């Protein structure tokens, strides 16, 4: 059960990141994306994960 919920949360996170960088994703197959588009989605996801981690640790922008 938790695995299915985690997969759904990751899909939602991916869709949000794609929307933020202006890439239209379809539910299911997205093999028509360019490497640049896929990379921008992945990069945005990593950026948001790092920001979330830093917020959890209490790291402020001034400490960077």
PDB file of N, CA and C in Angstrom:
ATOM      1  N   UNK A   1       0.823  -1.199   0.000  1.00  0.00           N
ATOM      2  CA  UNK A   1       0.000   0.000   0.000  1.00  0.00           C
ATOM      3  C   UNK A   1       0.863   1.257   0.000  1.00  0.00           C
ATOM      4  N   UNK A   2       1.843   1.321   0.871  1.00  0.00           N
ATOM      5  CA  UNK A   2       2.694   2.502   0.951  1.00  0.00           C
ATOM      6  C   UNK A   2       3.474   2.688  -0.344  1.00  0.00           C
ATOM      7  N   UNK A   3       3.861   1.613  -0.988  1.00  0.00           N
ATOM      8  CA  UNK A   3       4.602   1.701  -2.235  1.00  0.00           C
ATOM      9  C   UNK A   3       3.757   2.356  -3.325  1.00  0.00           C
ATOM     10  N   UNK A   4       2.481   2.008  -3.392  1.00  0.00           N
ATOM     11  CA  UNK A   4       1.585   2.606  -4.374  1.00  0.00           C
ATOM     12  C   UNK A   4       1.400   4.095  -4.097  1.00  0.00           C
ATOM     13  N   UNK A   5       1.269   4.456  -2.843  1.00  0.00           N
ATOM     14  CA  UNK A   5       1.124   5.867  -2.473  1.00  0.00           C
ATOM     15  C   UNK A   5       2.392   6.642  -2.789  1.00  0.00           C
ATOM     16  N   UNK A   6       3.546   6.039  -2.549  1.00  0.00           N
ATOM     17  CA  UNK A   6       4.813   6.701  -2.844  1.00  0.00           C
ATOM     18  C   UNK A   6       4.958   6.923  -4.344  1.00  0.00           C
ATOM     19  N   UNK A   7       4.562   5.937  -5.139  1.00  0.00           N
ATOM     20  CA  UNK A   7       4.642   6.066  -6.591  1.00  0.00           C
ATOM     21  C   UNK A   7       3.728   7.187  -7.088  1.00  0.00           C
ATOM     22  N   UNK A   8       2.532   7.264  -6.526  1.00  0.00           N
ATOM     23  CA  UNK A   8       1.601   8.319  -6.914  1.00  0.00           C
ATOM     24  C   UNK A   8       2.130   9.694  -6.523  1.00  0.00           C
ATOM     25  N   UNK A   9       2.728   9.792  -5.342  1.00  0.00           N
ATOM     26  CA  UNK A   9       3.287  11.069  -4.890  1.00  0.00           C
ATOM     27  C   UNK A   9       4.443  11.492  -5.793  1.00  0.00           C
ATOM     28  N   UNK A  10       5.280  10.542  -6.200  1.00  0.00           N
ATOM     29  CA  UNK A  10       6.395  10.848  -7.084  1.00  0.00           C
ATOM     30  C   UNK A  10       5.901  11.294  -8.457  1.00  0.00           C
ATOM     31  N   UNK A  11       4.856  10.648  -8.970  1.00  0.00           N
ATOM     32  CA  UNK A  11       4.273  11.053 -10.247  1.00  0.00           C
ATOM     33  C   UNK A  11       3.730  12.476 -10.174  1.00  0.00           C
ATOM     34  N   UNK A  12       3.055  12.801  -9.076  1.00  0.00           N
ATOM     35  CA  UNK A  12       2.507  14.146  -8.895  1.00  0.00           C
ATOM     36  C   UNK A  12       3.640  15.169  -8.811  1.00  0.00           C
ATOM     37  N   UNK A  13       4.708  14.810  -8.105  1.00  0.00           N
ATOM     38  CA  UNK A  13       5.876  15.689  -7.967  1.00  0.00           C
ATOM     39  C   UNK A  13       6.513  15.928  -9.335  1.00  0.00           C
ATOM     40  N   UNK A  14       6.616  14.868 -10.134  1.00  0.00           N
ATOM     41  CA  UNK A  14       7.194  14.980 -11.476  1.00  0.00           C
ATOM     42  C   UNK A  14       6.342  15.882 -12.359  1.00  0.00           C
ATOM     43  N   UNK A  15       5.023  15.720 -12.287  1.00  0.00           N
ATOM     44  CA  UNK A  15       4.124  16.551 -13.093  1.00  0.00           C
ATOM     45  C   UNK A  15       4.244  18.028 -12.692  1.00  0.00           C
ATOM     46  N   UNK A  16       4.359  18.281 -11.389  1.00  0.00           N
ATOM     47  CA  UNK A  16       4.499  19.649 -10.899  1.00  0.00           C
ATOM     48  C   UNK A  16       5.813  20.249 -11.398  1.00  0.00           C
ATOM     49  N   UNK A  17       6.901  19.493 -11.309  1.00  0.00           N
ATOM     50  CA  UNK A  17       8.203  19.981 -11.771  1.00  0.00           C
ATOM     51  C   UNK A  17       8.170  20.253 -13.266  1.00  0.00           C
ATOM     52  N   UNK A  18       7.533  19.378 -14.036  1.00  0.00           N
ATOM     53  CA  UNK A  18       7.421  19.573 -15.483  1.00  0.00           C
ATOM     54  C   UNK A  18       6.642  20.842 -15.795  1.00  0.00           C
ATOM     55  N   UNK A  19       5.571  21.063 -15.075  1.00  0.00           N
ATOM     56  CA  UNK A  19       4.761  22.263 -15.270  1.00  0.00           C
ATOM     57  C   UNK A  19       5.579  23.520 -14.976  1.00  0.00           C
ATOM     58  N   UNK A  20       6.404  23.473 -13.938  1.00  0.00           N
ATOM     59  CA  UNK A  20       7.208  24.630 -13.549  1.00  0.00           C
ATOM     60  C   UNK A  20       8.256  24.995 -14.595  1.00  0.00           C
ATOM     61  N   UNK A  21       8.757  24.009 -15.344  1.00  0.00           N
ATOM     62  CA  UNK A  21       9.761  24.303 -16.370  1.00  0.00           C
ATOM     63  C   UNK A  21       9.146  24.385 -17.764  1.00  0.00           C
ATOM     64  N   UNK A  22       7.800  24.290 -17.841  1.00  0.00           N
ATOM     65  CA  UNK A  22       7.105  24.488 -19.106  1.00  0.00           C
ATOM     66  C   UNK A  22       7.096  23.292 -20.039  1.00  0.00           C
ATOM     67  N   UNK A  23       7.202  22.075 -19.490  1.00  0.00           N
ATOM     68  CA  UNK A  23       7.160  20.869 -20.306  1.00  0.00           C
ATOM     69  C   UNK A  23       5.823  20.176 -20.062  1.00  0.00           C
ATOM     70  N   UNK A  24       5.136  19.847 -21.140  1.00  0.00           N
ATOM     71  CA  UNK A  24       3.851  19.154 -21.031  1.00  0.00           C
ATOM     72  C   UNK A  24       4.084  17.653 -20.978  1.00  0.00           C
ATOM     73  N   UNK A  25       3.679  17.036 -19.866  1.00  0.00           N
ATOM     74  CA  UNK A  25       3.784  15.587 -19.720  1.00  0.00           C
ATOM     75  C   UNK A  25       2.411  14.966 -19.879  1.00  0.00           C
ATOM     76  N   UNK A  26       2.393  13.763 -20.425  1.00  0.00           N
ATOM     77  CA  UNK A  26       1.177  12.973 -20.518  1.00  0.00           C
ATOM     78  C   UNK A  26       1.196  11.922 -19.429  1.00  0.00           C
ATOM     79  N   UNK A  27       0.030  11.452 -19.026  1.00  0.00           N
ATOM     80  CA  UNK A  27      -0.023  10.322 -18.119  1.00  0.00           C
ATOM     81  C   UNK A  27       0.486   9.114 -18.895  1.00  0.00           C
ATOM     82  N   UNK A  28       1.394   8.368 -18.300  1.00  0.00           N
ATOM     83  CA  UNK A  28       1.924   7.179 -18.964  1.00  0.00           C
ATOM     84  C   UNK A  28       3.166   7.495 -19.777  1.00  0.00           C
ATOM     85  N   UNK A  29       3.155   7.110 -21.032  1.00  0.00           N
ATOM     86  CA  UNK A  29       4.332   7.184 -21.910  1.00  0.00           C
ATOM     87  C   UNK A  29       4.675   8.625 -22.292  1.00  0.00           C
ATOM     88  N   UNK A  30       5.964   8.976 -22.138  1.00  0.00           N
ATOM     89  CA  UNK A  30       6.460  10.291 -22.540  1.00  0.00           C
ATOM     90  C   UNK A  30       7.775  10.154 -23.297  1.00  0.00           C
ATOM     91  N   UNK A  31       7.871   9.109 -24.110  1.00  0.00           N
ATOM     92  CA  UNK A  31       9.100   8.841 -24.847  1.00  0.00           C
ATOM     93  C   UNK A  31       9.403   9.842 -25.942  1.00  0.00           C
ATOM     94  N   UNK A  32       8.484  10.733 -26.225  1.00  0.00           N
ATOM     95  CA  UNK A  32       8.707  11.736 -27.257  1.00  0.00           C
ATOM     96  C   UNK A  32       9.407  12.989 -26.722  1.00  0.00           C
ATOM     97  N   UNK A  33       9.733  13.019 -25.426  1.00  0.00           N
ATOM     98  CA  UNK A  33      10.445  14.162 -24.856  1.00  0.00           C
ATOM     99  C   UNK A  33      11.884  14.175 -25.344  1.00  0.00           C
ATOM    100  N   UNK A  34      12.421  15.366 -25.512  1.00  0.00           N
ATOM    101  CA  UNK A  34      13.839  15.473 -25.834  1.00  0.00           C
ATOM    102  C   UNK A  34      14.657  15.261 -24.561  1.00  0.00           C
ATOM    103  N   UNK A  35      15.931  14.988 -24.727  1.00  0.00           N
ATOM    104  CA  UNK A  35      16.814  14.820 -23.571  1.00  0.00           C
ATOM    105  C   UNK A  35      16.857  16.114 -22.761  1.00  0.00           C
ATOM    106  N   UNK A  36      16.811  17.235 -23.439  1.00  0.00           N
ATOM    107  CA  UNK A  36      16.833  18.521 -22.745  1.00  0.00           C
ATOM    108  C   UNK A  36      15.595  18.700 -21.869  1.00  0.00           C
ATOM    109  N   UNK A  37      14.424  18.341 -22.396  1.00  0.00           N
ATOM    110  CA  UNK A  37      13.189  18.453 -21.625  1.00  0.00           C
ATOM    111  C   UNK A  37      13.206  17.517 -20.419  1.00  0.00           C
ATOM    112  N   UNK A  38      13.598  16.274 -20.648  1.00  0.00           N
ATOM    113  CA  UNK A  38      13.653  15.310 -19.546  1.00  0.00           C
ATOM    114  C   UNK A  38      14.655  15.762 -18.492  1.00  0.00           C
ATOM    115  N   UNK A  39      15.790  16.275 -18.924  1.00  0.00           N
ATOM    116  CA  UNK A  39      16.806  16.756 -17.994  1.00  0.00           C
ATOM    117  C   UNK A  39      16.340  17.957 -17.193  1.00  0.00           C
ATOM    118  N   UNK A  40      15.577  18.834 -17.832  1.00  0.00           N
ATOM    119  CA  UNK A  40      15.086  20.007 -17.097  1.00  0.00           C
ATOM    120  C   UNK A  40      14.076  19.592 -16.033  1.00  0.00           C
ATOM    121  N   UNK A  41      13.279  18.571 -16.310  1.00  0.00           N
ATOM    122  CA  UNK A  41      12.328  18.066 -15.308  1.00  0.00           C
ATOM    123  C   UNK A  41      13.097  17.455 -14.143  1.00  0.00           C
ATOM    124  N   UNK A  42      14.048  16.591 -14.442  1.00  0.00           N
ATOM    125  CA  UNK A  42      14.850  15.964 -13.391  1.00  0.00           C
ATOM    126  C   UNK A  42      15.620  16.983 -12.578  1.00  0.00           C
ATOM    127  N   UNK A  43      16.181  17.966 -13.246  1.00  0.00           N
ATOM    128  CA  UNK A  43      16.919  19.015 -12.546  1.00  0.00           C
ATOM    129  C   UNK A  43      16.039  19.813 -11.609  1.00  0.00           C
ATOM    130  N   UNK A  44      14.831  20.113 -12.061  1.00  0.00           N
ATOM    131  CA  UNK A  44      13.887  20.850 -11.218  1.00  0.00           C
ATOM    132  C   UNK A  44      13.491  20.014 -10.005  1.00  0.00           C
ATOM    133  N   UNK A  45      13.314  18.713 -10.209  1.00  0.00           N
ATOM    134  CA  UNK A  45      12.965  17.833  -9.093  1.00  0.00           C
ATOM    135  C   UNK A  45      14.080  17.809  -8.060  1.00  0.00           C
ATOM    136  N   UNK A  46      15.322  17.686  -8.520  1.00  0.00           N
ATOM    137  CA  UNK A  46      16.466  17.665  -7.596  1.00  0.00           C
ATOM    138  C   UNK A  46      16.574  18.998  -6.861  1.00  0.00           C
ATOM    139  N   UNK A  47      16.404  20.098  -7.578  1.00  0.00           N
ATOM    140  CA  UNK A  47      16.466  21.423  -6.959  1.00  0.00           C
ATOM    141  C   UNK A  47      15.446  21.550  -5.827  1.00  0.00           C
ATOM    142  N   UNK A  48      14.215  21.106  -6.084  1.00  0.00           N
ATOM    143  CA  UNK A  48      13.159  21.195  -5.076  1.00  0.00           C
ATOM    144  C   UNK A  48      13.434  20.253  -3.894  1.00  0.00           C
ATOM    145  N   UNK A  49      14.008  19.076  -4.167  1.00  0.00           N
ATOM    146  CA  UNK A  49      14.347  18.151  -3.078  1.00  0.00           C
ATOM    147  C   UNK A  49      15.436  18.741  -2.184  1.00  0.00           C
ATOM    148  N   UNK A  50      16.430  19.380  -2.783  1.00  0.00           N
ATOM    149  CA  UNK A  50      17.499  20.003  -2.005  1.00  0.00           C
ATOM    150  C   UNK A  50      16.946  21.147  -1.173  1.00  0.00           C
ATOM    151  N   UNK A  51      16.089  21.972  -1.773  1.00  0.00           N
ATOM    152  CA  UNK A  51      15.472  23.073  -1.027  1.00  0.00           C
ATOM    153  C   UNK A  51      14.672  22.550   0.159  1.00  0.00           C
ATOM    154  N   UNK A  52      13.931  21.487  -0.054  1.00  0.00           N
ATOM    155  CA  UNK A  52      13.129  20.889   1.015  1.00  0.00           C
ATOM    156  C   UNK A  52      14.027  20.363   2.133  1.00  0.00           C
ATOM    157  N   UNK A  53      15.105  19.713   1.770  1.00  0.00           N
ATOM    158  CA  UNK A  53      16.047  19.181   2.758  1.00  0.00           C
ATOM    159  C   UNK A  53      16.667  20.313   3.569  1.00  0.00           C
ATOM    160  N   UNK A  54      17.079  21.372   2.864  1.00  0.00           N
ATOM    161  CA  UNK A  54      17.694  22.504   3.555  1.00  0.00           C
ATOM    162  C   UNK A  54      16.712  23.178   4.503  1.00  0.00           C
ATOM    163  N   UNK A  55      15.458  23.296   4.098  1.00  0.00           N
ATOM    164  CA  UNK A  55      14.447  23.884   4.979  1.00  0.00           C
ATOM    165  C   UNK A  55      14.257  23.028   6.218  1.00  0.00           C
ATOM    166  N   UNK A  56      14.296  21.721   6.048  1.00  0.00           N
ATOM    167  CA  UNK A  56      14.160  20.812   7.180  1.00  0.00           C
ATOM    168  C   UNK A  56      15.325  20.909   8.145  1.00  0.00           C
ATOM    169  N   UNK A  57      16.481  21.267   7.620  1.00  0.00           N
ATOM    170  CA  UNK A  57      17.672  21.412   8.472  1.00  0.00           C
ATOM    171  C   UNK A  57      17.787  22.826   9.037  1.00  0.00           C
ATOM    172  N   UNK A  58      16.939  23.732   8.557  1.00  0.00           N
ATOM    173  CA  UNK A  58      16.996  25.107   9.041  1.00  0.00           C
ATOM    174  C   UNK A  58      18.095  25.928   8.379  1.00  0.00           C
ATOM    175  N   UNK A  59      18.521  25.538   7.192  1.00  0.00           N
ATOM    176  CA  UNK A  59      19.553  26.276   6.482  1.00  0.00           C
ATOM    177  C   UNK A  59      18.883  27.461   5.789  1.00  0.00           C
ATOM    178  N   UNK A  60      19.380  28.640   6.044  1.00  0.00           N
ATOM    179  CA  UNK A  60      18.799  29.831   5.418  1.00  0.00           C
ATOM    180  C   UNK A  60      19.613  30.212   4.188  1.00  0.00           C
ATOM    181  N   UNK A  61      19.072  31.088   3.373  1.00  0.00           N
ATOM    182  CA  UNK A  61      19.760  31.544   2.182  1.00  0.00           C
ATOM    183  C   UNK A  61      21.061  32.266   2.531  1.00  0.00           C
ATOM    184  N   UNK A  62      21.124  32.922   3.673  1.00  0.00           N
ATOM    185  CA  UNK A  62      22.311  33.651   4.068  1.00  0.00           C
ATOM    186  C   UNK A  62      23.466  32.727   4.441  1.00  0.00           C
ATOM    187  N   UNK A  63      23.165  31.504   4.863  1.00  0.00           N
ATOM    188  CA  UNK A  63      24.196  30.572   5.268  1.00  0.00           C
ATOM    189  C   UNK A  63      24.838  29.871   4.073  1.00  0.00           C
ATOM    190  N   UNK A  64      24.250  29.958   2.909  1.00  0.00           N
ATOM    191  CA  UNK A  64      24.795  29.281   1.719  1.00  0.00           C
ATOM    192  C   UNK A  64      26.028  29.969   1.206  1.00  0.00           C
TER     193      UNK A  64
END
